[in-house]
Amino acid sequence: MGTNMGVFVGCFNYDSIEHWMFDQTVRVGMASVGNAAYALANRLSFALGVTGPSFTVDTACSSSTYALSLAFNAIKNGDCDSALFAGTNLILSPFPTEDFSR
């Protein structure tokens, strides 16, 4: 907490929003904010109490690699003392695969 740590997240596919937003049997408060990919890094920064740069990138298949590169460069350039890097590509629904197979 309180350190100058940067948080960099690469996020491409995620479909949990279908579960939390559109299935009325499980709908809970804050589902739209909780499923906002743009805020992934910011929520981690807030939870950890760190003060460095914090952002999520989506460059399709290269999202995780690009986030890692940004984290490395941020340390190298002195923007932060350390960095937390994460990557995610979660596909739970069969619909994207069905679409691409047509």
N, C-alpha and C. Protein backbone atom coordinates (compact mmCIF):
# COMPACT_ATOMS: atom_id res chain seq x y z
N MET A 1 0.84 -1.19 0.00
CA MET A 1 0.00 0.00 0.00
C MET A 1 0.87 1.24 0.00
N GLY A 2 0.43 2.22 -0.76
CA GLY A 2 1.12 3.49 -0.81
C GLY A 2 2.39 3.50 -1.64
N THR A 3 2.72 2.39 -2.30
CA THR A 3 3.93 2.34 -3.11
C THR A 3 3.66 2.87 -4.51
N ASN A 4 4.70 3.20 -5.21
CA ASN A 4 4.60 3.68 -6.59
C ASN A 4 4.65 2.49 -7.55
N MET A 5 3.67 1.61 -7.41
CA MET A 5 3.57 0.43 -8.27
C MET A 5 2.57 0.70 -9.38
N GLY A 6 2.93 0.34 -10.60
CA GLY A 6 2.01 0.45 -11.72
C GLY A 6 1.24 -0.85 -11.89
N VAL A 7 0.04 -0.74 -12.42
CA VAL A 7 -0.79 -1.92 -12.69
C VAL A 7 -1.19 -1.89 -14.16
N PHE A 8 -0.82 -2.94 -14.88
CA PHE A 8 -1.04 -3.02 -16.32
C PHE A 8 -1.78 -4.32 -16.63
N VAL A 9 -2.94 -4.22 -17.25
CA VAL A 9 -3.75 -5.41 -17.54
C VAL A 9 -4.04 -5.45 -19.04
N GLY A 10 -3.78 -6.60 -19.64
CA GLY A 10 -4.18 -6.84 -21.03
C GLY A 10 -5.45 -7.67 -21.01
N CYS A 11 -6.50 -7.16 -21.61
CA CYS A 11 -7.79 -7.86 -21.59
C CYS A 11 -8.37 -7.89 -22.99
N PHE A 12 -8.65 -9.08 -23.45
CA PHE A 12 -9.28 -9.21 -24.76
C PHE A 12 -10.71 -9.69 -24.57
N ASN A 13 -10.98 -10.94 -24.74
CA ASN A 13 -12.34 -11.45 -24.60
C ASN A 13 -12.74 -11.63 -23.16
N TYR A 14 -13.96 -11.29 -22.88
CA TYR A 14 -14.57 -11.59 -21.59
C TYR A 14 -16.07 -11.60 -21.83
N ASP A 15 -16.73 -12.59 -21.33
CA ASP A 15 -18.17 -12.65 -21.57
C ASP A 15 -18.99 -12.89 -20.30
N SER A 16 -18.39 -12.63 -19.17
CA SER A 16 -19.15 -12.79 -17.93
C SER A 16 -20.29 -11.78 -17.86
N ILE A 17 -20.21 -10.70 -18.63
CA ILE A 17 -21.28 -9.71 -18.63
C ILE A 17 -22.60 -10.34 -19.07
N GLU A 18 -22.52 -11.34 -19.96
CA GLU A 18 -23.75 -12.03 -20.38
C GLU A 18 -24.42 -12.69 -19.17
N HIS A 19 -23.61 -13.25 -18.30
CA HIS A 19 -24.13 -13.92 -17.12
C HIS A 19 -24.70 -12.91 -16.12
N TRP A 20 -23.93 -11.89 -15.80
CA TRP A 20 -24.32 -10.96 -14.74
C TRP A 20 -25.35 -9.93 -15.17
N MET A 21 -25.36 -9.55 -16.44
CA MET A 21 -26.26 -8.48 -16.88
C MET A 21 -27.56 -8.99 -17.46
N PHE A 22 -27.53 -10.11 -18.14
CA PHE A 22 -28.70 -10.52 -18.91
C PHE A 22 -29.46 -11.69 -18.31
N ASP A 23 -28.87 -12.39 -17.36
CA ASP A 23 -29.58 -13.48 -16.68
C ASP A 23 -30.24 -12.88 -15.44
N GLN A 24 -31.52 -12.66 -15.51
CA GLN A 24 -32.24 -11.98 -14.42
C GLN A 24 -32.24 -12.77 -13.11
N THR A 25 -31.93 -14.06 -13.17
CA THR A 25 -31.94 -14.86 -11.94
C THR A 25 -30.71 -14.59 -11.09
N VAL A 26 -29.65 -14.05 -11.68
CA VAL A 26 -28.42 -13.80 -10.91
C VAL A 26 -28.04 -12.32 -10.88
N ARG A 27 -28.87 -11.46 -11.39
CA ARG A 27 -28.54 -10.04 -11.50
C ARG A 27 -28.31 -9.45 -10.10
N VAL A 28 -27.19 -8.78 -9.97
CA VAL A 28 -26.83 -8.15 -8.71
C VAL A 28 -26.46 -6.69 -8.96
N GLY A 29 -26.43 -5.90 -7.91
CA GLY A 29 -26.06 -4.51 -8.04
C GLY A 29 -24.63 -4.34 -8.52
N MET A 30 -24.38 -3.27 -9.24
CA MET A 30 -23.05 -2.91 -9.74
C MET A 30 -22.54 -3.88 -10.80
N ALA A 31 -23.39 -4.66 -11.42
CA ALA A 31 -22.94 -5.62 -12.43
C ALA A 31 -22.31 -4.92 -13.63
N SER A 32 -22.87 -3.79 -14.04
CA SER A 32 -22.31 -3.12 -15.21
C SER A 32 -20.93 -2.55 -14.93
N VAL A 33 -20.71 -2.00 -13.76
CA VAL A 33 -19.39 -1.49 -13.40
C VAL A 33 -18.42 -2.64 -13.15
N GLY A 34 -18.88 -3.69 -12.51
CA GLY A 34 -18.03 -4.83 -12.21
C GLY A 34 -17.57 -5.57 -13.44
N ASN A 35 -18.28 -5.41 -14.55
CA ASN A 35 -17.92 -6.08 -15.79
C ASN A 35 -17.29 -5.16 -16.81
N ALA A 36 -16.91 -3.97 -16.40
CA ALA A 36 -16.30 -3.02 -17.31
C ALA A 36 -14.81 -3.32 -17.43
N ALA A 37 -14.40 -3.79 -18.59
CA ALA A 37 -13.00 -4.18 -18.79
C ALA A 37 -12.05 -3.00 -18.62
N TYR A 38 -12.48 -1.81 -18.99
CA TYR A 38 -11.60 -0.65 -18.89
C TYR A 38 -11.14 -0.38 -17.46
N ALA A 39 -11.88 -0.85 -16.48
CA ALA A 39 -11.57 -0.55 -15.09
C ALA A 39 -10.81 -1.67 -14.37
N LEU A 40 -10.44 -2.73 -15.05
CA LEU A 40 -9.76 -3.85 -14.39
C LEU A 40 -8.52 -3.41 -13.63
N ALA A 41 -7.63 -2.71 -14.28
CA ALA A 41 -6.39 -2.27 -13.63
C ALA A 41 -6.68 -1.28 -12.51
N ASN A 42 -7.64 -0.40 -12.73
CA ASN A 42 -7.96 0.60 -11.73
C ASN A 42 -8.54 -0.03 -10.46
N ARG A 43 -9.34 -1.06 -10.62
CA ARG A 43 -9.89 -1.74 -9.43
C ARG A 43 -8.77 -2.44 -8.66
N LEU A 44 -7.80 -3.02 -9.37
CA LEU A 44 -6.66 -3.64 -8.69
C LEU A 44 -5.83 -2.58 -7.95
N SER A 45 -5.56 -1.47 -8.61
CA SER A 45 -4.80 -0.39 -7.97
C SER A 45 -5.48 0.09 -6.70
N PHE A 46 -6.79 0.28 -6.80
CA PHE A 46 -7.55 0.75 -5.63
C PHE A 46 -7.49 -0.28 -4.50
N ALA A 47 -7.72 -1.55 -4.84
CA ALA A 47 -7.73 -2.60 -3.82
C ALA A 47 -6.36 -2.75 -3.15
N LEU A 48 -5.30 -2.58 -3.92
CA LEU A 48 -3.95 -2.72 -3.38
C LEU A 48 -3.43 -1.44 -2.75
N GLY A 49 -4.08 -0.32 -3.03
CA GLY A 49 -3.65 0.96 -2.49
C GLY A 49 -2.35 1.47 -3.08
N VAL A 50 -2.13 1.19 -4.36
CA VAL A 50 -0.89 1.65 -5.01
C VAL A 50 -1.16 2.92 -5.81
N THR A 51 -0.09 3.67 -6.07
CA THR A 51 -0.27 5.00 -6.65
C THR A 51 0.36 5.19 -8.02
N GLY A 52 0.90 4.16 -8.62
CA GLY A 52 1.54 4.29 -9.93
C GLY A 52 0.53 4.31 -11.05
N PRO A 53 1.01 4.33 -12.31
CA PRO A 53 0.10 4.31 -13.45
C PRO A 53 -0.74 3.04 -13.45
N SER A 54 -1.96 3.17 -13.96
CA SER A 54 -2.88 2.05 -13.90
C SER A 54 -3.82 2.10 -15.10
N PHE A 55 -3.70 1.09 -15.97
CA PHE A 55 -4.64 1.06 -17.08
C PHE A 55 -4.73 -0.32 -17.71
N THR A 56 -5.84 -0.50 -18.42
CA THR A 56 -6.13 -1.74 -19.12
C THR A 56 -5.99 -1.48 -20.62
N VAL A 57 -5.38 -2.42 -21.33
CA VAL A 57 -5.25 -2.28 -22.78
C VAL A 57 -5.94 -3.45 -23.48
N ASP A 58 -6.50 -3.15 -24.64
CA ASP A 58 -7.13 -4.18 -25.48
C ASP A 58 -6.59 -4.00 -26.89
N THR A 59 -5.65 -4.84 -27.25
CA THR A 59 -5.10 -4.83 -28.61
C THR A 59 -5.34 -6.19 -29.26
N ALA A 60 -6.49 -6.74 -28.98
CA ALA A 60 -6.90 -8.06 -29.50
C ALA A 60 -5.95 -9.14 -28.98
N CYS A 61 -5.45 -9.97 -29.85
CA CYS A 61 -4.65 -11.12 -29.42
C CYS A 61 -3.34 -10.75 -28.75
N SER A 62 -2.88 -9.52 -28.94
CA SER A 62 -1.60 -9.10 -28.35
C SER A 62 -1.76 -8.33 -27.05
N SER A 63 -2.95 -8.30 -26.48
CA SER A 63 -3.21 -7.48 -25.29
C SER A 63 -2.26 -7.77 -24.13
N SER A 64 -2.07 -9.02 -23.79
CA SER A 64 -1.20 -9.38 -22.66
C SER A 64 0.25 -9.01 -22.94
N THR A 65 0.72 -9.29 -24.15
CA THR A 65 2.10 -8.96 -24.50
C THR A 65 2.32 -7.46 -24.49
N TYR A 66 1.35 -6.71 -24.98
CA TYR A 66 1.48 -5.26 -25.00
C TYR A 66 1.46 -4.69 -23.59
N ALA A 67 0.61 -5.22 -22.72
CA ALA A 67 0.58 -4.76 -21.33
C ALA A 67 1.91 -5.05 -20.63
N LEU A 68 2.50 -6.20 -20.90
CA LEU A 68 3.81 -6.53 -20.32
C LEU A 68 4.87 -5.54 -20.81
N SER A 69 4.85 -5.21 -22.08
CA SER A 69 5.79 -4.25 -22.64
C SER A 69 5.63 -2.88 -22.01
N LEU A 70 4.38 -2.46 -21.83
CA LEU A 70 4.12 -1.17 -21.19
C LEU A 70 4.60 -1.15 -19.75
N ALA A 71 4.41 -2.24 -19.03
CA ALA A 71 4.87 -2.33 -17.65
C ALA A 71 6.39 -2.23 -17.59
N PHE A 72 7.06 -2.95 -18.44
CA PHE A 72 8.53 -2.91 -18.49
C PHE A 72 9.02 -1.50 -18.78
N ASN A 73 8.43 -0.86 -19.78
CA ASN A 73 8.85 0.49 -20.15
C ASN A 73 8.54 1.52 -19.07
N ALA A 74 7.45 1.34 -18.34
CA ALA A 74 7.12 2.26 -17.26
C ALA A 74 8.17 2.21 -16.15
N ILE A 75 8.64 1.01 -15.83
CA ILE A 75 9.71 0.87 -14.83
C ILE A 75 11.00 1.47 -15.37
N LYS A 76 11.32 1.14 -16.61
CA LYS A 76 12.55 1.61 -17.24
C LYS A 76 12.59 3.15 -17.32
N ASN A 77 11.43 3.77 -17.60
CA ASN A 77 11.36 5.23 -17.73
C ASN A 77 11.18 5.96 -16.40
N GLY A 78 11.05 5.20 -15.31
CA GLY A 78 10.90 5.81 -14.00
C GLY A 78 9.49 6.26 -13.65
N ASP A 79 8.50 5.81 -14.44
CA ASP A 79 7.11 6.15 -14.14
C ASP A 79 6.60 5.44 -12.90
N CYS A 80 7.21 4.30 -12.58
CA CYS A 80 6.86 3.55 -11.38
C CYS A 80 8.08 2.75 -10.93
N ASP A 81 8.08 2.35 -9.66
CA ASP A 81 9.20 1.60 -9.10
C ASP A 81 9.08 0.10 -9.37
N SER A 82 7.85 -0.36 -9.46
CA SER A 82 7.58 -1.77 -9.74
C SER A 82 6.26 -1.83 -10.49
N ALA A 83 5.93 -3.01 -11.00
CA ALA A 83 4.69 -3.13 -11.78
C ALA A 83 4.05 -4.49 -11.56
N LEU A 84 2.74 -4.47 -11.54
CA LEU A 84 1.93 -5.68 -11.53
C LEU A 84 1.34 -5.79 -12.94
N PHE A 85 1.56 -6.94 -13.55
CA PHE A 85 1.08 -7.17 -14.91
C PHE A 85 0.12 -8.35 -14.89
N ALA A 86 -0.96 -8.25 -15.64
CA ALA A 86 -1.92 -9.35 -15.72
C ALA A 86 -2.48 -9.42 -17.14
N GLY A 87 -2.90 -10.60 -17.53
CA GLY A 87 -3.52 -10.78 -18.83
C GLY A 87 -4.72 -11.70 -18.69
N THR A 88 -5.77 -11.42 -19.45
CA THR A 88 -6.95 -12.24 -19.38
C THR A 88 -7.60 -12.38 -20.76
N ASN A 89 -8.14 -13.54 -21.00
CA ASN A 89 -8.88 -13.82 -22.22
C ASN A 89 -9.85 -14.94 -21.87
N LEU A 90 -11.00 -14.57 -21.37
CA LEU A 90 -11.96 -15.54 -20.86
C LEU A 90 -13.16 -15.64 -21.78
N ILE A 91 -13.38 -16.83 -22.32
CA ILE A 91 -14.55 -17.08 -23.18
C ILE A 91 -15.32 -18.24 -22.57
N LEU A 92 -16.45 -17.93 -21.97
CA LEU A 92 -17.28 -18.95 -21.35
C LEU A 92 -18.44 -19.39 -22.25
N SER A 93 -18.87 -18.50 -23.09
CA SER A 93 -20.03 -18.75 -23.94
C SER A 93 -19.61 -19.49 -25.22
N PRO A 94 -20.46 -20.36 -25.73
CA PRO A 94 -20.15 -21.04 -27.00
C PRO A 94 -20.40 -20.16 -28.21
N PHE A 95 -21.07 -19.00 -28.05
CA PHE A 95 -21.47 -18.19 -29.19
C PHE A 95 -20.32 -17.65 -30.03
N PRO A 96 -19.21 -17.15 -29.46
CA PRO A 96 -18.12 -16.68 -30.33
C PRO A 96 -17.55 -17.79 -31.21
N THR A 97 -17.39 -18.97 -30.65
CA THR A 97 -16.86 -20.10 -31.42
C THR A 97 -17.84 -20.47 -32.54
N GLU A 98 -19.13 -20.46 -32.22
CA GLU A 98 -20.13 -20.78 -33.24
C GLU A 98 -20.10 -19.73 -34.35
N ASP A 99 -19.96 -18.46 -33.99
CA ASP A 99 -19.91 -17.41 -35.00
C ASP A 99 -18.71 -17.56 -35.92
N PHE A 100 -17.54 -17.82 -35.34
CA PHE A 100 -16.32 -17.92 -36.13
C PHE A 100 -16.30 -19.17 -37.00
N SER A 101 -17.07 -20.17 -36.65
CA SER A 101 -17.05 -21.42 -37.43
C SER A 101 -17.98 -21.35 -38.66
N ARG A 102 -18.71 -20.30 -38.78
CA ARG A 102 -19.65 -20.18 -39.93
C ARG A 102 -18.98 -19.55 -41.12
